[in-house]
Amino acid sequence: MLSNNCAHPRPSTGQETAVEPLPQRQGQDAAIRSEQLFEGRSTLEIEHEGCRYFLRATRSGKLILTK
């Protein structure tokens, strides 16, 4: 179960360092950092079971998933 205690990162300065992998937690799926998914973009297109979804990162550090 995911907790709702996530800290919102500061806005990007363009000088980010290399991203370290998150530690594996026994019995849970692997976590992927959003920076790795977005690779500098603000929107990511996801295909799931034949449908297209869009994951968008807002300027305030929140994620919005739309169909």
PDB file of N, CA and C in Angstrom:
ATOM      1  N   MET A   1       0.830  -1.171   0.000  1.00  0.00           N
ATOM      2  CA  MET A   1       0.000   0.000   0.000  1.00  0.00           C
ATOM      3  C   MET A   1       0.880   1.241   0.000  1.00  0.00           C
ATOM      4  N   LEU A   2       0.572   2.207  -0.859  1.00  0.00           N
ATOM      5  CA  LEU A   2       1.355   3.421  -0.942  1.00  0.00           C
ATOM      6  C   LEU A   2       0.874   4.425   0.082  1.00  0.00           C
ATOM      7  N   SER A   3       1.822   5.118   0.700  1.00  0.00           N
ATOM      8  CA  SER A   3       1.434   6.157   1.641  1.00  0.00           C
ATOM      9  C   SER A   3       1.199   7.450   0.883  1.00  0.00           C
ATOM     10  N   ASN A   4       0.504   8.358   1.500  1.00  0.00           N
ATOM     11  CA  ASN A   4       0.198   9.642   0.888  1.00  0.00           C
ATOM     12  C   ASN A   4       1.178  10.704   1.365  1.00  0.00           C
ATOM     13  N   ASN A   5       2.312  10.290   1.896  1.00  0.00           N
ATOM     14  CA  ASN A   5       3.289  11.210   2.470  1.00  0.00           C
ATOM     15  C   ASN A   5       4.430  11.470   1.505  1.00  0.00           C
ATOM     16  N   CYS A   6       4.147  11.930   0.302  1.00  0.00           N
ATOM     17  CA  CYS A   6       5.221  12.196  -0.645  1.00  0.00           C
ATOM     18  C   CYS A   6       5.544  13.684  -0.637  1.00  0.00           C
ATOM     19  N   ALA A   7       6.803  13.988  -0.602  1.00  0.00           N
ATOM     20  CA  ALA A   7       7.245  15.382  -0.630  1.00  0.00           C
ATOM     21  C   ALA A   7       7.303  15.850  -2.077  1.00  0.00           C
ATOM     22  N   HIS A   8       6.833  17.040  -2.314  1.00  0.00           N
ATOM     23  CA  HIS A   8       6.870  17.577  -3.666  1.00  0.00           C
ATOM     24  C   HIS A   8       8.236  18.196  -3.921  1.00  0.00           C
ATOM     25  N   PRO A   9       8.873  17.814  -5.032  1.00  0.00           N
ATOM     26  CA  PRO A   9      10.215  18.328  -5.318  1.00  0.00           C
ATOM     27  C   PRO A   9      10.162  19.803  -5.696  1.00  0.00           C
ATOM     28  N   ARG A  10      11.297  20.434  -5.543  1.00  0.00           N
ATOM     29  CA  ARG A  10      11.413  21.822  -5.990  1.00  0.00           C
ATOM     30  C   ARG A  10      11.372  21.845  -7.513  1.00  0.00           C
ATOM     31  N   PRO A  11      11.020  22.990  -8.115  1.00  0.00           N
ATOM     32  CA  PRO A  11      11.029  23.094  -9.577  1.00  0.00           C
ATOM     33  C   PRO A  11      12.420  22.793 -10.131  1.00  0.00           C
ATOM     34  N   SER A  12      12.454  22.266 -11.317  1.00  0.00           N
ATOM     35  CA  SER A  12      13.702  21.885 -11.960  1.00  0.00           C
ATOM     36  C   SER A  12      14.597  23.091 -12.197  1.00  0.00           C
ATOM     37  N   THR A  13      15.892  22.908 -11.904  1.00  0.00           N
ATOM     38  CA  THR A  13      16.861  23.968 -12.156  1.00  0.00           C
ATOM     39  C   THR A  13      17.655  23.698 -13.421  1.00  0.00           C
ATOM     40  N   GLY A  14      17.446  22.515 -14.008  1.00  0.00           N
ATOM     41  CA  GLY A  14      18.218  22.135 -15.185  1.00  0.00           C
ATOM     42  C   GLY A  14      19.579  21.576 -14.835  1.00  0.00           C
ATOM     43  N   GLN A  15      19.897  21.466 -13.541  1.00  0.00           N
ATOM     44  CA  GLN A  15      21.202  20.977 -13.098  1.00  0.00           C
ATOM     45  C   GLN A  15      21.051  19.735 -12.230  1.00  0.00           C
ATOM     46  N   GLU A  16      20.088  18.880 -12.563  1.00  0.00           N
ATOM     47  CA  GLU A  16      19.866  17.678 -11.769  1.00  0.00           C
ATOM     48  C   GLU A  16      21.042  16.717 -11.927  1.00  0.00           C
ATOM     49  N   THR A  17      21.265  15.936 -10.885  1.00  0.00           N
ATOM     50  CA  THR A  17      22.329  14.944 -10.913  1.00  0.00           C
ATOM     51  C   THR A  17      21.752  13.592 -11.324  1.00  0.00           C
ATOM     52  N   ALA A  18      22.625  12.609 -11.466  1.00  0.00           N
ATOM     53  CA  ALA A  18      22.187  11.268 -11.853  1.00  0.00           C
ATOM     54  C   ALA A  18      21.194  10.727 -10.830  1.00  0.00           C
ATOM     55  N   VAL A  19      20.220   9.974 -11.306  1.00  0.00           N
ATOM     56  CA  VAL A  19      19.169   9.437 -10.446  1.00  0.00           C
ATOM     57  C   VAL A  19      19.589   8.054  -9.963  1.00  0.00           C
ATOM     58  N   GLU A  20      19.577   7.873  -8.649  1.00  0.00           N
ATOM     59  CA  GLU A  20      19.901   6.567  -8.077  1.00  0.00           C
ATOM     60  C   GLU A  20      18.641   5.717  -8.019  1.00  0.00           C
ATOM     61  N   PRO A  21      18.769   4.410  -8.242  1.00  0.00           N
ATOM     62  CA  PRO A  21      17.583   3.545  -8.164  1.00  0.00           C
ATOM     63  C   PRO A  21      17.025   3.510  -6.757  1.00  0.00           C
ATOM     64  N   LEU A  22      15.713   3.344  -6.663  1.00  0.00           N
ATOM     65  CA  LEU A  22      15.077   3.201  -5.356  1.00  0.00           C
ATOM     66  C   LEU A  22      15.352   1.809  -4.815  1.00  0.00           C
ATOM     67  N   PRO A  23      15.490   1.669  -3.505  1.00  0.00           N
ATOM     68  CA  PRO A  23      15.731   0.328  -2.958  1.00  0.00           C
ATOM     69  C   PRO A  23      14.504  -0.567  -3.151  1.00  0.00           C
ATOM     70  N   GLN A  24      14.752  -1.835  -3.412  1.00  0.00           N
ATOM     71  CA  GLN A  24      13.669  -2.806  -3.548  1.00  0.00           C
ATOM     72  C   GLN A  24      13.096  -3.105  -2.174  1.00  0.00           C
ATOM     73  N   ARG A  25      11.775  -3.205  -2.107  1.00  0.00           N
ATOM     74  CA  ARG A  25      11.117  -3.600  -0.871  1.00  0.00           C
ATOM     75  C   ARG A  25      10.561  -4.992  -1.077  1.00  0.00           C
ATOM     76  N   GLN A  26      10.849  -5.869  -0.170  1.00  0.00           N
ATOM     77  CA  GLN A  26      10.461  -7.265  -0.300  1.00  0.00           C
ATOM     78  C   GLN A  26       8.946  -7.397  -0.442  1.00  0.00           C
ATOM     79  N   GLY A  27       8.512  -8.177  -1.446  1.00  0.00           N
ATOM     80  CA  GLY A  27       7.102  -8.460  -1.634  1.00  0.00           C
ATOM     81  C   GLY A  27       6.340  -7.364  -2.369  1.00  0.00           C
ATOM     82  N   GLN A  28       7.026  -6.344  -2.876  1.00  0.00           N
ATOM     83  CA  GLN A  28       6.358  -5.266  -3.596  1.00  0.00           C
ATOM     84  C   GLN A  28       6.970  -5.120  -4.981  1.00  0.00           C
ATOM     85  N   ASP A  29       6.193  -4.530  -5.891  1.00  0.00           N
ATOM     86  CA  ASP A  29       6.706  -4.256  -7.229  1.00  0.00           C
ATOM     87  C   ASP A  29       7.801  -3.196  -7.158  1.00  0.00           C
ATOM     88  N   ALA A  30       8.660  -3.207  -8.151  1.00  0.00           N
ATOM     89  CA  ALA A  30       9.744  -2.232  -8.204  1.00  0.00           C
ATOM     90  C   ALA A  30       9.188  -0.832  -8.415  1.00  0.00           C
ATOM     91  N   ALA A  31       9.809   0.145  -7.791  1.00  0.00           N
ATOM     92  CA  ALA A  31       9.415   1.549  -7.963  1.00  0.00           C
ATOM     93  C   ALA A  31      10.299   2.178  -9.034  1.00  0.00           C
ATOM     94  N   ILE A  32       9.719   3.075  -9.809  1.00  0.00           N
ATOM     95  CA  ILE A  32      10.446   3.811 -10.840  1.00  0.00           C
ATOM     96  C   ILE A  32      10.282   5.290 -10.546  1.00  0.00           C
ATOM     97  N   ARG A  33      11.364   6.012 -10.522  1.00  0.00           N
ATOM     98  CA  ARG A  33      11.303   7.452 -10.291  1.00  0.00           C
ATOM     99  C   ARG A  33      10.674   8.147 -11.492  1.00  0.00           C
ATOM    100  N   SER A  34       9.874   9.156 -11.221  1.00  0.00           N
ATOM    101  CA  SER A  34       9.200   9.874 -12.300  1.00  0.00           C
ATOM    102  C   SER A  34      10.198  10.519 -13.263  1.00  0.00           C
ATOM    103  N   GLU A  35      11.352  10.937 -12.759  1.00  0.00           N
ATOM    104  CA  GLU A  35      12.366  11.534 -13.629  1.00  0.00           C
ATOM    105  C   GLU A  35      12.813  10.555 -14.717  1.00  0.00           C
ATOM    106  N   GLN A  36      12.849   9.273 -14.359  1.00  0.00           N
ATOM    107  CA  GLN A  36      13.245   8.253 -15.319  1.00  0.00           C
ATOM    108  C   GLN A  36      12.172   8.066 -16.387  1.00  0.00           C
ATOM    109  N   LEU A  37      10.912   8.180 -16.006  1.00  0.00           N
ATOM    110  CA  LEU A  37       9.827   8.026 -16.971  1.00  0.00           C
ATOM    111  C   LEU A  37       9.726   9.219 -17.918  1.00  0.00           C
ATOM    112  N   PHE A  38       9.767  10.409 -17.352  1.00  0.00           N
ATOM    113  CA  PHE A  38       9.534  11.611 -18.146  1.00  0.00           C
ATOM    114  C   PHE A  38      10.742  12.031 -18.980  1.00  0.00           C
ATOM    115  N   GLU A  39      11.951  11.743 -18.539  1.00  0.00           N
ATOM    116  CA  GLU A  39      13.182  12.091 -19.261  1.00  0.00           C
ATOM    117  C   GLU A  39      13.152  13.532 -19.769  1.00  0.00           C
ATOM    118  N   GLY A  40      12.786  14.467 -18.887  1.00  0.00           N
ATOM    119  CA  GLY A  40      12.794  15.883 -19.245  1.00  0.00           C
ATOM    120  C   GLY A  40      11.518  16.393 -19.887  1.00  0.00           C
ATOM    121  N   ARG A  41      10.587  15.511 -20.205  1.00  0.00           N
ATOM    122  CA  ARG A  41       9.308  15.930 -20.804  1.00  0.00           C
ATOM    123  C   ARG A  41       8.309  16.217 -19.693  1.00  0.00           C
ATOM    124  N   SER A  42       7.214  16.892 -20.045  1.00  0.00           N
ATOM    125  CA  SER A  42       6.174  17.132 -19.049  1.00  0.00           C
ATOM    126  C   SER A  42       4.986  16.200 -19.240  1.00  0.00           C
ATOM    127  N   THR A  43       4.893  15.535 -20.402  1.00  0.00           N
ATOM    128  CA  THR A  43       3.783  14.623 -20.687  1.00  0.00           C
ATOM    129  C   THR A  43       4.332  13.299 -21.200  1.00  0.00           C
ATOM    130  N   LEU A  44       3.715  12.218 -20.749  1.00  0.00           N
ATOM    131  CA  LEU A  44       4.099  10.875 -21.155  1.00  0.00           C
ATOM    132  C   LEU A  44       2.865  10.159 -21.670  1.00  0.00           C
ATOM    133  N   GLU A  45       2.953   9.565 -22.847  1.00  0.00           N
ATOM    134  CA  GLU A  45       1.837   8.809 -23.416  1.00  0.00           C
ATOM    135  C   GLU A  45       1.997   7.342 -23.033  1.00  0.00           C
ATOM    136  N   ILE A  46       0.920   6.765 -22.506  1.00  0.00           N
ATOM    137  CA  ILE A  46       0.947   5.373 -22.044  1.00  0.00           C
ATOM    138  C   ILE A  46      -0.142   4.603 -22.777  1.00  0.00           C
ATOM    139  N   GLU A  47       0.228   3.460 -23.351  1.00  0.00           N
ATOM    140  CA  GLU A  47      -0.775   2.582 -23.952  1.00  0.00           C
ATOM    141  C   GLU A  47      -1.024   1.444 -22.983  1.00  0.00           C
ATOM    142  N   HIS A  48      -2.297   1.231 -22.615  1.00  0.00           N
ATOM    143  CA  HIS A  48      -2.665   0.187 -21.663  1.00  0.00           C
ATOM    144  C   HIS A  48      -3.928  -0.506 -22.159  1.00  0.00           C
ATOM    145  N   GLU A  49      -3.796  -1.785 -22.453  1.00  0.00           N
ATOM    146  CA  GLU A  49      -4.922  -2.611 -22.917  1.00  0.00           C
ATOM    147  C   GLU A  49      -5.673  -1.960 -24.073  1.00  0.00           C
ATOM    148  N   GLY A  50      -4.904  -1.445 -25.027  1.00  0.00           N
ATOM    149  CA  GLY A  50      -5.498  -0.875 -26.232  1.00  0.00           C
ATOM    150  C   GLY A  50      -5.978   0.561 -26.109  1.00  0.00           C
ATOM    151  N   CYS A  51      -5.877   1.153 -24.943  1.00  0.00           N
ATOM    152  CA  CYS A  51      -6.279   2.549 -24.740  1.00  0.00           C
ATOM    153  C   CYS A  51      -5.041   3.407 -24.524  1.00  0.00           C
ATOM    154  N   ARG A  52      -5.148   4.682 -24.921  1.00  0.00           N
ATOM    155  CA  ARG A  52      -4.052   5.626 -24.705  1.00  0.00           C
ATOM    156  C   ARG A  52      -4.388   6.539 -23.541  1.00  0.00           C
ATOM    157  N   TYR A  53      -3.414   6.702 -22.675  1.00  0.00           N
ATOM    158  CA  TYR A  53      -3.526   7.576 -21.520  1.00  0.00           C
ATOM    159  C   TYR A  53      -2.371   8.570 -21.574  1.00  0.00           C
ATOM    160  N   PHE A  54      -2.560   9.693 -20.913  1.00  0.00           N
ATOM    161  CA  PHE A  54      -1.525  10.708 -20.854  1.00  0.00           C
ATOM    162  C   PHE A  54      -1.242  11.030 -19.397  1.00  0.00           C
ATOM    163  N   LEU A  55       0.024  10.889 -19.011  1.00  0.00           N
ATOM    164  CA  LEU A  55       0.464  11.217 -17.669  1.00  0.00           C
ATOM    165  C   LEU A  55       1.199  12.543 -17.769  1.00  0.00           C
ATOM    166  N   ARG A  56       0.718  13.529 -17.018  1.00  0.00           N
ATOM    167  CA  ARG A  56       1.275  14.873 -17.107  1.00  0.00           C
ATOM    168  C   ARG A  56       1.792  15.289 -15.739  1.00  0.00           C
ATOM    169  N   ALA A  57       2.980  15.892 -15.738  1.00  0.00           N
ATOM    170  CA  ALA A  57       3.556  16.444 -14.519  1.00  0.00           C
ATOM    171  C   ALA A  57       3.268  17.941 -14.511  1.00  0.00           C
ATOM    172  N   THR A  58       2.650  18.406 -13.440  1.00  0.00           N
ATOM    173  CA  THR A  58       2.335  19.825 -13.336  1.00  0.00           C
ATOM    174  C   THR A  58       3.531  20.601 -12.791  1.00  0.00           C
ATOM    175  N   ARG A  59       3.466  21.928 -12.917  1.00  0.00           N
ATOM    176  CA  ARG A  59       4.537  22.764 -12.386  1.00  0.00           C
ATOM    177  C   ARG A  59       4.635  22.682 -10.869  1.00  0.00           C
ATOM    178  N   SER A  60       3.527  22.329 -10.229  1.00  0.00           N
ATOM    179  CA  SER A  60       3.543  22.216  -8.765  1.00  0.00           C
ATOM    180  C   SER A  60       3.996  20.837  -8.286  1.00  0.00           C
ATOM    181  N   GLY A  61       4.407  19.965  -9.217  1.00  0.00           N
ATOM    182  CA  GLY A  61       4.944  18.668  -8.832  1.00  0.00           C
ATOM    183  C   GLY A  61       3.926  17.549  -8.688  1.00  0.00           C
ATOM    184  N   LYS A  62       2.715  17.767  -9.167  1.00  0.00           N
ATOM    185  CA  LYS A  62       1.678  16.724  -9.088  1.00  0.00           C
ATOM    186  C   LYS A  62       1.603  15.980 -10.423  1.00  0.00           C
ATOM    187  N   LEU A  63       1.015  14.790 -10.383  1.00  0.00           N
ATOM    188  CA  LEU A  63       0.821  13.986 -11.595  1.00  0.00           C
ATOM    189  C   LEU A  63      -0.656  13.885 -11.902  1.00  0.00           C
ATOM    190  N   ILE A  64      -1.003  14.027 -13.187  1.00  0.00           N
ATOM    191  CA  ILE A  64      -2.397  13.915 -13.637  1.00  0.00           C
ATOM    192  C   ILE A  64      -2.435  12.883 -14.746  1.00  0.00           C
ATOM    193  N   LEU A  65      -3.319  11.883 -14.602  1.00  0.00           N
ATOM    194  CA  LEU A  65      -3.500  10.845 -15.606  1.00  0.00           C
ATOM    195  C   LEU A  65      -4.855  11.060 -16.274  1.00  0.00           C
ATOM    196  N   THR A  66      -4.854  11.210 -17.609  1.00  0.00           N
ATOM    197  CA  THR A  66      -6.106  11.389 -18.356  1.00  0.00           C
ATOM    198  C   THR A  66      -6.158  10.391 -19.499  1.00  0.00           C
ATOM    199  N   LYS A  67      -7.362  10.144 -19.966  1.00  0.00           N
ATOM    200  CA  LYS A  67      -7.578   9.226 -21.079  1.00  0.00           C
ATOM    201  C   LYS A  67      -7.812  10.000 -22.338  1.00  0.00           C
TER     202      LYS A  67
END
